[in-house]
Amino acid sequence: VIVTDAPPSAEWVKRFDAEGVRVIY
């Protein structure tokens, strides 16, 4: 999981999806 304070860029969202990383912001 990555917990951050703002929506990541589209490139990072795609990368997180590929790596199976959940994102919370």
mmCIF file of all heavy atoms, coordinates in Angstrom:
data_MODEL
# 
_entry.id   MODEL 
# 
loop_
_atom_site.group_PDB 
_atom_site.id 
_atom_site.type_symbol 
_atom_site.label_atom_id 
_atom_site.label_alt_id 
_atom_site.label_comp_id 
_atom_site.label_asym_id 
_atom_site.label_entity_id 
_atom_site.label_seq_id 
_atom_site.pdbx_PDB_ins_code 
_atom_site.Cartn_x 
_atom_site.Cartn_y 
_atom_site.Cartn_z 
_atom_site.occupancy 
_atom_site.B_iso_or_equiv 
_atom_site.pdbx_formal_charge 
_atom_site.auth_seq_id 
_atom_site.auth_comp_id 
_atom_site.auth_asym_id 
_atom_site.auth_atom_id 
_atom_site.pdbx_PDB_model_num 
ATOM 1   N N   . VAL A 1 1  ? 0.847  -1.193 0.000   1.00 0.00 ? 1  VAL A N   1 
ATOM 2   C CA  . VAL A 1 1  ? 0.000  0.000  0.000   1.00 0.00 ? 1  VAL A CA  1 
ATOM 3   C C   . VAL A 1 1  ? 0.878  1.237  0.000   1.00 0.00 ? 1  VAL A C   1 
ATOM 4   O O   . VAL A 1 1  ? 1.927  1.272  0.652   1.00 0.00 ? 1  VAL A O   1 
ATOM 5   C CB  . VAL A 1 1  ? -0.926 0.042  1.241   1.00 0.00 ? 1  VAL A CB  1 
ATOM 6   C CG1 . VAL A 1 1  ? -1.843 1.265  1.196   1.00 0.00 ? 1  VAL A CG1 1 
ATOM 7   C CG2 . VAL A 1 1  ? -1.744 -1.234 1.360   1.00 0.00 ? 1  VAL A CG2 1 
ATOM 8   N N   . ILE A 1 2  ? 0.455  2.264  -0.718  1.00 0.00 ? 2  ILE A N   1 
ATOM 9   C CA  . ILE A 1 2  ? 1.057  3.591  -0.612  1.00 0.00 ? 2  ILE A CA  1 
ATOM 10  C C   . ILE A 1 2  ? -0.020 4.560  -0.134  1.00 0.00 ? 2  ILE A C   1 
ATOM 11  O O   . ILE A 1 2  ? -1.107 4.620  -0.717  1.00 0.00 ? 2  ILE A O   1 
ATOM 12  C CB  . ILE A 1 2  ? 1.645  4.061  -1.956  1.00 0.00 ? 2  ILE A CB  1 
ATOM 13  C CG1 . ILE A 1 2  ? 2.935  3.294  -2.237  1.00 0.00 ? 2  ILE A CG1 1 
ATOM 14  C CG2 . ILE A 1 2  ? 1.919  5.564  -1.937  1.00 0.00 ? 2  ILE A CG2 1 
ATOM 15  C CD1 . ILE A 1 2  ? 3.637  3.697  -3.508  1.00 0.00 ? 2  ILE A CD1 1 
ATOM 16  N N   . VAL A 1 3  ? 0.288  5.279  0.928   1.00 0.00 ? 3  VAL A N   1 
ATOM 17  C CA  . VAL A 1 3  ? -0.619 6.295  1.459   1.00 0.00 ? 3  VAL A CA  1 
ATOM 18  C C   . VAL A 1 3  ? 0.030  7.650  1.199   1.00 0.00 ? 3  VAL A C   1 
ATOM 19  O O   . VAL A 1 3  ? 1.156  7.906  1.630   1.00 0.00 ? 3  VAL A O   1 
ATOM 20  C CB  . VAL A 1 3  ? -0.864 6.113  2.967   1.00 0.00 ? 3  VAL A CB  1 
ATOM 21  C CG1 . VAL A 1 3  ? -1.936 7.094  3.442   1.00 0.00 ? 3  VAL A CG1 1 
ATOM 22  C CG2 . VAL A 1 3  ? -1.276 4.676  3.282   1.00 0.00 ? 3  VAL A CG2 1 
ATOM 23  N N   . THR A 1 4  ? -0.679 8.513  0.477   1.00 0.00 ? 4  THR A N   1 
ATOM 24  C CA  . THR A 1 4  ? -0.126 9.809  0.121   1.00 0.00 ? 4  THR A CA  1 
ATOM 25  C C   . THR A 1 4  ? -1.182 10.900 0.295   1.00 0.00 ? 4  THR A C   1 
ATOM 26  O O   . THR A 1 4  ? -2.287 10.632 0.779   1.00 0.00 ? 4  THR A O   1 
ATOM 27  C CB  . THR A 1 4  ? 0.443  9.772  -1.315  1.00 0.00 ? 4  THR A CB  1 
ATOM 28  O OG1 . THR A 1 4  ? 1.123  10.984 -1.594  1.00 0.00 ? 4  THR A OG1 1 
ATOM 29  C CG2 . THR A 1 4  ? -0.644 9.512  -2.343  1.00 0.00 ? 4  THR A CG2 1 
ATOM 30  N N   . ASP A 1 5  ? -0.834 12.135 -0.078  1.00 0.00 ? 5  ASP A N   1 
ATOM 31  C CA  . ASP A 1 5  ? -1.717 13.270 0.201   1.00 0.00 ? 5  ASP A CA  1 
ATOM 32  C C   . ASP A 1 5  ? -2.381 13.843 -1.041  1.00 0.00 ? 5  ASP A C   1 
ATOM 33  O O   . ASP A 1 5  ? -3.163 14.795 -0.932  1.00 0.00 ? 5  ASP A O   1 
ATOM 34  C CB  . ASP A 1 5  ? -0.929 14.377 0.921   1.00 0.00 ? 5  ASP A CB  1 
ATOM 35  C CG  . ASP A 1 5  ? 0.209  14.921 0.070   1.00 0.00 ? 5  ASP A CG  1 
ATOM 36  O OD1 . ASP A 1 5  ? 0.888  14.111 -0.592  1.00 0.00 ? 5  ASP A OD1 1 
ATOM 37  O OD2 . ASP A 1 5  ? 0.425  16.139 0.069   1.00 0.00 ? 5  ASP A OD2 1 
ATOM 38  N N   . ALA A 1 6  ? -2.070 13.317 -2.220  1.00 0.00 ? 6  ALA A N   1 
ATOM 39  C CA  . ALA A 1 6  ? -2.645 13.838 -3.452  1.00 0.00 ? 6  ALA A CA  1 
ATOM 40  C C   . ALA A 1 6  ? -2.682 12.727 -4.488  1.00 0.00 ? 6  ALA A C   1 
ATOM 41  O O   . ALA A 1 6  ? -1.898 11.780 -4.424  1.00 0.00 ? 6  ALA A O   1 
ATOM 42  C CB  . ALA A 1 6  ? -1.801 15.011 -3.976  1.00 0.00 ? 6  ALA A CB  1 
ATOM 43  N N   . PRO A 1 7  ? -3.590 12.825 -5.462  1.00 0.00 ? 7  PRO A N   1 
ATOM 44  C CA  . PRO A 1 7  ? -3.667 11.784 -6.490  1.00 0.00 ? 7  PRO A CA  1 
ATOM 45  C C   . PRO A 1 7  ? -2.352 11.684 -7.264  1.00 0.00 ? 7  PRO A C   1 
ATOM 46  O O   . PRO A 1 7  ? -1.836 12.696 -7.743  1.00 0.00 ? 7  PRO A O   1 
ATOM 47  C CB  . PRO A 1 7  ? -4.802 12.270 -7.405  1.00 0.00 ? 7  PRO A CB  1 
ATOM 48  C CG  . PRO A 1 7  ? -5.598 13.214 -6.575  1.00 0.00 ? 7  PRO A CG  1 
ATOM 49  C CD  . PRO A 1 7  ? -4.625 13.868 -5.656  1.00 0.00 ? 7  PRO A CD  1 
ATOM 50  N N   . PRO A 1 8  ? -1.792 10.486 -7.405  1.00 0.00 ? 8  PRO A N   1 
ATOM 51  C CA  . PRO A 1 8  ? -0.574 10.312 -8.219  1.00 0.00 ? 8  PRO A CA  1 
ATOM 52  C C   . PRO A 1 8  ? -0.874 10.568 -9.691  1.00 0.00 ? 8  PRO A C   1 
ATOM 53  O O   . PRO A 1 8  ? -2.028 10.570 -10.128 1.00 0.00 ? 8  PRO A O   1 
ATOM 54  C CB  . PRO A 1 8  ? -0.191 8.850  -7.968  1.00 0.00 ? 8  PRO A CB  1 
ATOM 55  C CG  . PRO A 1 8  ? -0.952 8.429  -6.758  1.00 0.00 ? 8  PRO A CG  1 
ATOM 56  C CD  . PRO A 1 8  ? -2.207 9.238  -6.763  1.00 0.00 ? 8  PRO A CD  1 
ATOM 57  N N   . SER A 1 9  ? 0.172  10.764 -10.473 1.00 0.00 ? 9  SER A N   1 
ATOM 58  C CA  . SER A 1 9  ? 0.009  10.979 -11.906 1.00 0.00 ? 9  SER A CA  1 
ATOM 59  C C   . SER A 1 9  ? -0.538 9.716  -12.577 1.00 0.00 ? 9  SER A C   1 
ATOM 60  O O   . SER A 1 9  ? -0.486 8.617  -12.003 1.00 0.00 ? 9  SER A O   1 
ATOM 61  C CB  . SER A 1 9  ? 1.360  11.336 -12.535 1.00 0.00 ? 9  SER A CB  1 
ATOM 62  O OG  . SER A 1 9  ? 2.235  10.218 -12.468 1.00 0.00 ? 9  SER A OG  1 
ATOM 63  N N   . ALA A 1 10 ? -1.031 9.877  -13.791 1.00 0.00 ? 10 ALA A N   1 
ATOM 64  C CA  . ALA A 1 10 ? -1.571 8.730  -14.533 1.00 0.00 ? 10 ALA A CA  1 
ATOM 65  C C   . ALA A 1 10 ? -0.510 7.657  -14.744 1.00 0.00 ? 10 ALA A C   1 
ATOM 66  O O   . ALA A 1 10 ? -0.811 6.456  -14.708 1.00 0.00 ? 10 ALA A O   1 
ATOM 67  C CB  . ALA A 1 10 ? -2.125 9.211  -15.870 1.00 0.00 ? 10 ALA A CB  1 
ATOM 68  N N   . GLU A 1 11 ? 0.738  8.091  -14.944 1.00 0.00 ? 11 GLU A N   1 
ATOM 69  C CA  . GLU A 1 11 ? 1.823  7.135  -15.134 1.00 0.00 ? 11 GLU A CA  1 
ATOM 70  C C   . GLU A 1 11 ? 2.045  6.295  -13.887 1.00 0.00 ? 11 GLU A C   1 
ATOM 71  O O   . GLU A 1 11 ? 2.251  5.074  -13.959 1.00 0.00 ? 11 GLU A O   1 
ATOM 72  C CB  . GLU A 1 11 ? 3.116  7.867  -15.509 1.00 0.00 ? 11 GLU A CB  1 
ATOM 73  C CG  . GLU A 1 11 ? 3.111  8.515  -16.877 1.00 0.00 ? 11 GLU A CG  1 
ATOM 74  C CD  . GLU A 1 11 ? 2.363  9.840  -16.911 1.00 0.00 ? 11 GLU A CD  1 
ATOM 75  O OE1 . GLU A 1 11 ? 1.957  10.338 -15.826 1.00 0.00 ? 11 GLU A OE1 1 
ATOM 76  O OE2 . GLU A 1 11 ? 2.173  10.372 -18.022 1.00 0.00 ? 11 GLU A OE2 1 
ATOM 77  N N   . TRP A 1 12 ? 2.004  6.962  -12.727 1.00 0.00 ? 12 TRP A N   1 
ATOM 78  C CA  . TRP A 1 12 ? 2.186  6.226  -11.478 1.00 0.00 ? 12 TRP A CA  1 
ATOM 79  C C   . TRP A 1 12 ? 0.997  5.312  -11.185 1.00 0.00 ? 12 TRP A C   1 
ATOM 80  O O   . TRP A 1 12 ? 1.183  4.196  -10.697 1.00 0.00 ? 12 TRP A O   1 
ATOM 81  C CB  . TRP A 1 12 ? 2.409  7.190  -10.321 1.00 0.00 ? 12 TRP A CB  1 
ATOM 82  C CG  . TRP A 1 12 ? 3.829  7.613  -10.158 1.00 0.00 ? 12 TRP A CG  1 
ATOM 83  C CD1 . TRP A 1 12 ? 4.365  8.841  -10.376 1.00 0.00 ? 12 TRP A CD1 1 
ATOM 84  C CD2 . TRP A 1 12 ? 4.920  6.780  -9.739  1.00 0.00 ? 12 TRP A CD2 1 
ATOM 85  N NE1 . TRP A 1 12 ? 5.714  8.836  -10.122 1.00 0.00 ? 12 TRP A NE1 1 
ATOM 86  C CE2 . TRP A 1 12 ? 6.088  7.594  -9.727  1.00 0.00 ? 12 TRP A CE2 1 
ATOM 87  C CE3 . TRP A 1 12 ? 5.033  5.445  -9.380  1.00 0.00 ? 12 TRP A CE3 1 
ATOM 88  C CZ2 . TRP A 1 12 ? 7.338  7.096  -9.368  1.00 0.00 ? 12 TRP A CZ2 1 
ATOM 89  C CZ3 . TRP A 1 12 ? 6.285  4.948  -9.023  1.00 0.00 ? 12 TRP A CZ3 1 
ATOM 90  C CH2 . TRP A 1 12 ? 7.413  5.762  -9.023  1.00 0.00 ? 12 TRP A CH2 1 
ATOM 91  N N   . VAL A 1 13 ? -0.207 5.759  -11.469 1.00 0.00 ? 13 VAL A N   1 
ATOM 92  C CA  . VAL A 1 13 ? -1.390 4.918  -11.252 1.00 0.00 ? 13 VAL A CA  1 
ATOM 93  C C   . VAL A 1 13 ? -1.282 3.643  -12.082 1.00 0.00 ? 13 VAL A C   1 
ATOM 94  O O   . VAL A 1 13 ? -1.558 2.535  -11.595 1.00 0.00 ? 13 VAL A O   1 
ATOM 95  C CB  . VAL A 1 13 ? -2.678 5.693  -11.605 1.00 0.00 ? 13 VAL A CB  1 
ATOM 96  C CG1 . VAL A 1 13 ? -3.880 4.740  -11.629 1.00 0.00 ? 13 VAL A CG1 1 
ATOM 97  C CG2 . VAL A 1 13 ? -2.919 6.811  -10.603 1.00 0.00 ? 13 VAL A CG2 1 
ATOM 98  N N   . LYS A 1 14 ? -0.859 3.788  -13.319 1.00 0.00 ? 14 LYS A N   1 
ATOM 99  C CA  . LYS A 1 14 ? -0.676 2.620  -14.184 1.00 0.00 ? 14 LYS A CA  1 
ATOM 100 C C   . LYS A 1 14 ? 0.384  1.687  -13.621 1.00 0.00 ? 14 LYS A C   1 
ATOM 101 O O   . LYS A 1 14 ? 0.221  0.454  -13.626 1.00 0.00 ? 14 LYS A O   1 
ATOM 102 C CB  . LYS A 1 14 ? -0.301 3.090  -15.585 1.00 0.00 ? 14 LYS A CB  1 
ATOM 103 C CG  . LYS A 1 14 ? -0.169 1.971  -16.607 1.00 0.00 ? 14 LYS A CG  1 
ATOM 104 C CD  . LYS A 1 14 ? 0.149  2.532  -17.989 1.00 0.00 ? 14 LYS A CD  1 
ATOM 105 C CE  . LYS A 1 14 ? 0.285  1.403  -19.007 1.00 0.00 ? 14 LYS A CE  1 
ATOM 106 N NZ  . LYS A 1 14 ? 0.603  1.944  -20.366 1.00 0.00 ? 14 LYS A NZ  1 
ATOM 107 N N   . ARG A 1 15 ? 1.457  2.264  -13.128 1.00 0.00 ? 15 ARG A N   1 
ATOM 108 C CA  . ARG A 1 15 ? 2.538  1.456  -12.553 1.00 0.00 ? 15 ARG A CA  1 
ATOM 109 C C   . ARG A 1 15 ? 2.071  0.726  -11.298 1.00 0.00 ? 15 ARG A C   1 
ATOM 110 O O   . ARG A 1 15 ? 2.366  -0.464 -11.103 1.00 0.00 ? 15 ARG A O   1 
ATOM 111 C CB  . ARG A 1 15 ? 3.722  2.374  -12.234 1.00 0.00 ? 15 ARG A CB  1 
ATOM 112 C CG  . ARG A 1 15 ? 4.909  1.664  -11.599 1.00 0.00 ? 15 ARG A CG  1 
ATOM 113 C CD  . ARG A 1 15 ? 5.613  0.742  -12.593 1.00 0.00 ? 15 ARG A CD  1 
ATOM 114 N NE  . ARG A 1 15 ? 6.732  0.069  -11.964 1.00 0.00 ? 15 ARG A NE  1 
ATOM 115 C CZ  . ARG A 1 15 ? 7.951  0.594  -11.808 1.00 0.00 ? 15 ARG A CZ  1 
ATOM 116 N NH1 . ARG A 1 15 ? 8.207  1.813  -12.294 1.00 0.00 ? 15 ARG A NH1 1 
ATOM 117 N NH2 . ARG A 1 15 ? 8.904  -0.094 -11.229 1.00 0.00 ? 15 ARG A NH2 1 
ATOM 118 N N   . PHE A 1 16 ? 1.354  1.421  -10.428 1.00 0.00 ? 16 PHE A N   1 
ATOM 119 C CA  . PHE A 1 16 ? 0.852  0.787  -9.207  1.00 0.00 ? 16 PHE A CA  1 
ATOM 120 C C   . PHE A 1 16 ? -0.102 -0.348 -9.529  1.00 0.00 ? 16 PHE A C   1 
ATOM 121 O O   . PHE A 1 16 ? -0.065 -1.406 -8.885  1.00 0.00 ? 16 PHE A O   1 
ATOM 122 C CB  . PHE A 1 16 ? 0.148  1.821  -8.320  1.00 0.00 ? 16 PHE A CB  1 
ATOM 123 C CG  . PHE A 1 16 ? 1.068  2.871  -7.756  1.00 0.00 ? 16 PHE A CG  1 
ATOM 124 C CD1 . PHE A 1 16 ? 0.623  4.173  -7.579  1.00 0.00 ? 16 PHE A CD1 1 
ATOM 125 C CD2 . PHE A 1 16 ? 2.373  2.578  -7.411  1.00 0.00 ? 16 PHE A CD2 1 
ATOM 126 C CE1 . PHE A 1 16 ? 1.460  5.150  -7.065  1.00 0.00 ? 16 PHE A CE1 1 
ATOM 127 C CE2 . PHE A 1 16 ? 3.216  3.542  -6.896  1.00 0.00 ? 16 PHE A CE2 1 
ATOM 128 C CZ  . PHE A 1 16 ? 2.758  4.840  -6.717  1.00 0.00 ? 16 PHE A CZ  1 
ATOM 129 N N   . ASP A 1 17 ? -0.963 -0.145 -10.527 1.00 0.00 ? 17 ASP A N   1 
ATOM 130 C CA  . ASP A 1 17 ? -1.881 -1.210 -10.940 1.00 0.00 ? 17 ASP A CA  1 
ATOM 131 C C   . ASP A 1 17 ? -1.104 -2.434 -11.419 1.00 0.00 ? 17 ASP A C   1 
ATOM 132 O O   . ASP A 1 17 ? -1.453 -3.577 -11.088 1.00 0.00 ? 17 ASP A O   1 
ATOM 133 C CB  . ASP A 1 17 ? -2.800 -0.707 -12.059 1.00 0.00 ? 17 ASP A CB  1 
ATOM 134 C CG  . ASP A 1 17 ? -3.865 0.254  -11.560 1.00 0.00 ? 17 ASP A CG  1 
ATOM 135 O OD1 . ASP A 1 17 ? -4.095 0.294  -10.326 1.00 0.00 ? 17 ASP A OD1 1 
ATOM 136 O OD2 . ASP A 1 17 ? -4.456 0.976  -12.380 1.00 0.00 ? 17 ASP A OD2 1 
ATOM 137 N N   . ALA A 1 18 ? -0.052 -2.193 -12.169 1.00 0.00 ? 18 ALA A N   1 
ATOM 138 C CA  . ALA A 1 18 ? 0.741  -3.298 -12.708 1.00 0.00 ? 18 ALA A CA  1 
ATOM 139 C C   . ALA A 1 18 ? 1.465  -4.063 -11.603 1.00 0.00 ? 18 ALA A C   1 
ATOM 140 O O   . ALA A 1 18 ? 1.642  -5.287 -11.692 1.00 0.00 ? 18 ALA A O   1 
ATOM 141 C CB  . ALA A 1 18 ? 1.755  -2.759 -13.717 1.00 0.00 ? 18 ALA A CB  1 
ATOM 142 N N   . GLU A 1 19 ? 1.882  -3.354 -10.560 1.00 0.00 ? 19 GLU A N   1 
ATOM 143 C CA  . GLU A 1 19 ? 2.617  -3.983 -9.454  1.00 0.00 ? 19 GLU A CA  1 
ATOM 144 C C   . GLU A 1 19 ? 1.691  -4.491 -8.347  1.00 0.00 ? 19 GLU A C   1 
ATOM 145 O O   . GLU A 1 19 ? 2.155  -5.095 -7.383  1.00 0.00 ? 19 GLU A O   1 
ATOM 146 C CB  . GLU A 1 19 ? 3.608  -2.973 -8.856  1.00 0.00 ? 19 GLU A CB  1 
ATOM 147 C CG  . GLU A 1 19 ? 4.640  -2.436 -9.828  1.00 0.00 ? 19 GLU A CG  1 
ATOM 148 C CD  . GLU A 1 19 ? 5.701  -3.462 -10.185 1.00 0.00 ? 19 GLU A CD  1 
ATOM 149 O OE1 . GLU A 1 19 ? 5.659  -4.574 -9.630  1.00 0.00 ? 19 GLU A OE1 1 
ATOM 150 O OE2 . GLU A 1 19 ? 6.571  -3.153 -11.020 1.00 0.00 ? 19 GLU A OE2 1 
ATOM 151 N N   . GLY A 1 20 ? 0.392  -4.230 -8.479  1.00 0.00 ? 20 GLY A N   1 
ATOM 152 C CA  . GLY A 1 20 ? -0.556 -4.674 -7.449  1.00 0.00 ? 20 GLY A CA  1 
ATOM 153 C C   . GLY A 1 20 ? -0.466 -3.882 -6.164  1.00 0.00 ? 20 GLY A C   1 
ATOM 154 O O   . GLY A 1 20 ? -0.738 -4.397 -5.076  1.00 0.00 ? 20 GLY A O   1 
ATOM 155 N N   . VAL A 1 21 ? -0.081 -2.603 -6.282  1.00 0.00 ? 21 VAL A N   1 
ATOM 156 C CA  . VAL A 1 21 ? 0.049  -1.735 -5.119  1.00 0.00 ? 21 VAL A CA  1 
ATOM 157 C C   . VAL A 1 21 ? -1.226 -0.916 -4.945  1.00 0.00 ? 21 VAL A C   1 
ATOM 158 O O   . VAL A 1 21 ? -1.645 -0.212 -5.878  1.00 0.00 ? 21 VAL A O   1 
ATOM 159 C CB  . VAL A 1 21 ? 1.258  -0.789 -5.264  1.00 0.00 ? 21 VAL A CB  1 
ATOM 160 C CG1 . VAL A 1 21 ? 1.360  0.148  -4.055  1.00 0.00 ? 21 VAL A CG1 1 
ATOM 161 C CG2 . VAL A 1 21 ? 2.546  -1.588 -5.412  1.00 0.00 ? 21 VAL A CG2 1 
ATOM 162 N N   . ARG A 1 22 ? -1.836 -0.998 -3.789  1.00 0.00 ? 22 ARG A N   1 
ATOM 163 C CA  . ARG A 1 22 ? -3.029 -0.202 -3.489  1.00 0.00 ? 22 ARG A CA  1 
ATOM 164 C C   . ARG A 1 22 ? -2.611 1.230  -3.128  1.00 0.00 ? 22 ARG A C   1 
ATOM 165 O O   . ARG A 1 22 ? -1.604 1.418  -2.431  1.00 0.00 ? 22 ARG A O   1 
ATOM 166 C CB  . ARG A 1 22 ? -3.784 -0.840 -2.328  1.00 0.00 ? 22 ARG A CB  1 
ATOM 167 C CG  . ARG A 1 22 ? -5.016 -0.070 -1.850  1.00 0.00 ? 22 ARG A CG  1 
ATOM 168 C CD  . ARG A 1 22 ? -5.587 -0.720 -0.604  1.00 0.00 ? 22 ARG A CD  1 
ATOM 169 N NE  . ARG A 1 22 ? -6.654 0.041  -0.027  1.00 0.00 ? 22 ARG A NE  1 
ATOM 170 C CZ  . ARG A 1 22 ? -7.135 -0.150 1.212   1.00 0.00 ? 22 ARG A CZ  1 
ATOM 171 N NH1 . ARG A 1 22 ? -6.629 -1.113 1.970   1.00 0.00 ? 22 ARG A NH1 1 
ATOM 172 N NH2 . ARG A 1 22 ? -8.126 0.593  1.672   1.00 0.00 ? 22 ARG A NH2 1 
ATOM 173 N N   . VAL A 1 23 ? -3.364 2.212  -3.588  1.00 0.00 ? 23 VAL A N   1 
ATOM 174 C CA  . VAL A 1 23 ? -3.049 3.613  -3.295  1.00 0.00 ? 23 VAL A CA  1 
ATOM 175 C C   . VAL A 1 23 ? -4.189 4.249  -2.518  1.00 0.00 ? 23 VAL A C   1 
ATOM 176 O O   . VAL A 1 23 ? -5.370 4.121  -2.901  1.00 0.00 ? 23 VAL A O   1 
ATOM 177 C CB  . VAL A 1 23 ? -2.799 4.407  -4.590  1.00 0.00 ? 23 VAL A CB  1 
ATOM 178 C CG1 . VAL A 1 23 ? -2.436 5.867  -4.257  1.00 0.00 ? 23 VAL A CG1 1 
ATOM 179 C CG2 . VAL A 1 23 ? -1.714 3.771  -5.415  1.00 0.00 ? 23 VAL A CG2 1 
ATOM 180 N N   . ILE A 1 24 ? -3.856 4.927  -1.434  1.00 0.00 ? 24 ILE A N   1 
ATOM 181 C CA  . ILE A 1 24 ? -4.830 5.662  -0.617  1.00 0.00 ? 24 ILE A CA  1 
ATOM 182 C C   . ILE A 1 24 ? -4.383 7.120  -0.566  1.00 0.00 ? 24 ILE A C   1 
ATOM 183 O O   . ILE A 1 24 ? -3.219 7.403  -0.290  1.00 0.00 ? 24 ILE A O   1 
ATOM 184 C CB  . ILE A 1 24 ? -4.909 5.095  0.811   1.00 0.00 ? 24 ILE A CB  1 
ATOM 185 C CG1 . ILE A 1 24 ? -5.349 3.632  0.788   1.00 0.00 ? 24 ILE A CG1 1 
ATOM 186 C CG2 . ILE A 1 24 ? -5.868 5.921  1.682   1.00 0.00 ? 24 ILE A CG2 1 
ATOM 187 C CD1 . ILE A 1 24 ? -5.307 2.965  2.151   1.00 0.00 ? 24 ILE A CD1 1 
ATOM 188 N N   . TYR A 1 25 ? -5.303 8.061  -0.832  1.00 0.00 ? 25 TYR A N   1 
ATOM 189 C CA  . TYR A 1 25 ? -4.969 9.478  -0.728  1.00 0.00 ? 25 TYR A CA  1 
ATOM 190 C C   . TYR A 1 25 ? -6.179 10.282 -0.276  1.00 0.00 ? 25 TYR A C   1 
ATOM 191 O O   . TYR A 1 25 ? -7.263 9.761  -0.201  1.00 0.00 ? 25 TYR A O   1 
ATOM 192 C CB  . TYR A 1 25 ? -4.429 10.032 -2.044  1.00 0.00 ? 25 TYR A CB  1 
ATOM 193 C CG  . TYR A 1 25 ? -5.321 9.858  -3.242  1.00 0.00 ? 25 TYR A CG  1 
ATOM 194 C CD1 . TYR A 1 25 ? -6.322 10.783 -3.519  1.00 0.00 ? 25 TYR A CD1 1 
ATOM 195 C CD2 . TYR A 1 25 ? -5.183 8.761  -4.095  1.00 0.00 ? 25 TYR A CD2 1 
ATOM 196 C CE1 . TYR A 1 25 ? -7.133 10.636 -4.619  1.00 0.00 ? 25 TYR A CE1 1 
ATOM 197 C CE2 . TYR A 1 25 ? -5.995 8.608  -5.197  1.00 0.00 ? 25 TYR A CE2 1 
ATOM 198 C CZ  . TYR A 1 25 ? -6.976 9.562  -5.447  1.00 0.00 ? 25 TYR A CZ  1 
ATOM 199 O OH  . TYR A 1 25 ? -7.786 9.406  -6.539  1.00 0.00 ? 25 TYR A OH  1 
# 
